[in-house]
Amino acid sequence: EQVLRRLYAVIGKRRGRIISEDLREGTQIFVVKCYLPVEQSFGFATSLRQRTSGMASPQLVFSHWEVIQEDPFFVPITDEEKEEFGSNAVMKAN
């Protein structure tokens, strides 16, 4: 249960969406399927293993393209934008 909590935290931090969670019959192995943006997948395996003390390991497979709600070229300019999104922000919700 603690490993699953940490797994969900890593996925959530990287803007992932859980699709399904299944317990393999006769084992203590959980198979969790989620969608994770490609840009967030870099370093995901290392982060996941660190947070779960090596008890979880990913298998990353490309699934589909999806339109994102953020502007990937956004750079905060005004003081209000810098305060809301931070001076190092790289995206903004539409």
Protein backbone atom coordinates (compact mmCIF):
# COMPACT_ATOMS: atom_id res chain seq x y z
CA GLU A 1 0.00 0.00 0.00
CA GLN A 2 2.83 2.40 0.85
CA VAL A 3 4.56 1.57 -2.45
CA LEU A 4 1.34 2.32 -4.36
CA ARG A 5 1.00 5.66 -2.57
CA ARG A 6 4.53 6.60 -3.60
CA LEU A 7 3.91 5.38 -7.14
CA TYR A 8 0.81 7.59 -7.41
CA ALA A 9 2.79 10.54 -6.05
CA VAL A 10 5.47 10.15 -8.73
CA ILE A 11 2.86 9.80 -11.49
CA GLY A 12 0.83 12.76 -10.20
CA LYS A 13 3.88 15.00 -9.94
CA ARG A 14 4.58 14.29 -13.60
CA ARG A 15 1.00 15.07 -14.72
CA GLY A 16 0.17 11.41 -15.33
CA ARG A 17 -3.33 9.93 -15.38
CA ILE A 18 -4.04 6.49 -13.92
CA ILE A 19 -6.00 4.32 -16.38
CA SER A 20 -6.23 1.04 -14.48
CA GLU A 21 -4.89 -0.86 -11.50
CA ASP A 22 -4.99 -4.65 -11.33
CA LEU A 23 -3.68 -7.16 -8.81
CA ARG A 24 -2.12 -10.21 -10.47
CA GLU A 25 -3.98 -13.27 -9.24
CA GLY A 26 -2.02 -15.33 -6.74
CA THR A 27 0.71 -12.69 -6.28
CA GLN A 28 1.29 -9.37 -4.54
CA ILE A 29 2.11 -7.71 -7.86
CA PHE A 30 0.07 -4.69 -8.96
CA VAL A 31 -0.02 -3.66 -12.60
CA VAL A 32 -0.79 0.04 -12.89
CA LYS A 33 -1.43 1.57 -16.30
CA CYS A 34 -1.30 5.31 -16.80
CA TYR A 35 -0.82 7.98 -19.43
CA LEU A 36 2.26 10.12 -18.93
CA PRO A 37 3.32 13.04 -21.14
CA VAL A 38 6.47 12.15 -23.09
CA GLU A 39 8.35 15.18 -21.78
CA GLN A 40 7.67 13.95 -18.24
CA SER A 41 8.93 10.44 -18.98
CA PHE A 42 12.61 11.44 -18.98
CA GLY A 43 14.05 10.35 -15.65
CA PHE A 44 10.77 8.70 -14.66
CA ALA A 45 12.28 5.23 -14.12
CA THR A 46 15.01 6.57 -11.85
CA SER A 47 12.58 8.71 -9.89
CA LEU A 48 10.12 5.84 -9.48
CA ARG A 49 12.77 3.40 -8.29
CA GLN A 50 14.18 5.93 -5.83
CA ARG A 51 10.79 6.81 -4.33
CA THR A 52 9.72 3.17 -4.01
CA SER A 53 13.12 1.83 -2.86
CA GLY A 54 13.31 -0.30 -6.00
CA MET A 55 9.97 -2.05 -5.40
CA ALA A 56 8.38 -0.60 -8.55
CA SER A 57 9.72 -0.55 -12.08
CA PRO A 58 8.15 0.97 -15.19
CA GLN A 59 7.63 -0.25 -18.70
CA LEU A 60 7.18 2.80 -20.90
CA VAL A 61 5.36 2.33 -24.21
CA PHE A 62 4.11 5.06 -26.55
CA SER A 63 0.31 5.03 -26.66
CA HIS A 64 -1.09 8.02 -28.55
CA TRP A 65 -0.91 11.72 -29.33
CA GLU A 66 -3.11 14.10 -27.36
CA VAL A 67 -3.67 17.86 -27.54
CA ILE A 68 -2.30 19.52 -24.39
CA GLN A 69 -4.01 22.38 -22.58
CA GLU A 70 -0.78 24.31 -21.95
CA ASP A 71 1.13 26.66 -24.20
CA PRO A 72 4.59 25.06 -24.40
CA PHE A 73 6.14 28.36 -25.54
CA PHE A 74 4.77 30.51 -22.70
CA VAL A 75 7.27 32.76 -20.92
CA PRO A 76 6.04 35.01 -18.08
CA ILE A 77 6.56 38.67 -18.92
CA THR A 78 4.46 40.83 -16.61
CA ASP A 79 5.00 41.04 -12.86
CA GLU A 80 1.57 39.42 -12.34
CA GLU A 81 2.49 36.45 -14.56
CA LYS A 82 5.86 36.06 -12.82
CA GLU A 83 4.13 36.10 -9.43
CA GLU A 84 1.47 33.57 -10.49
CA PHE A 85 3.63 31.17 -12.52
CA GLY A 86 7.14 31.92 -11.24
CA SER A 87 9.91 33.61 -13.14
CA ASN A 88 11.12 30.27 -14.56
CA ALA A 89 7.71 29.07 -15.75
CA VAL A 90 7.66 27.39 -19.14
CA MET A 91 3.95 26.75 -19.60
CA LYS A 92 0.58 28.27 -18.83
CA ALA A 93 -2.92 26.77 -18.87
CA ASN A 94 -5.12 28.06 -21.70
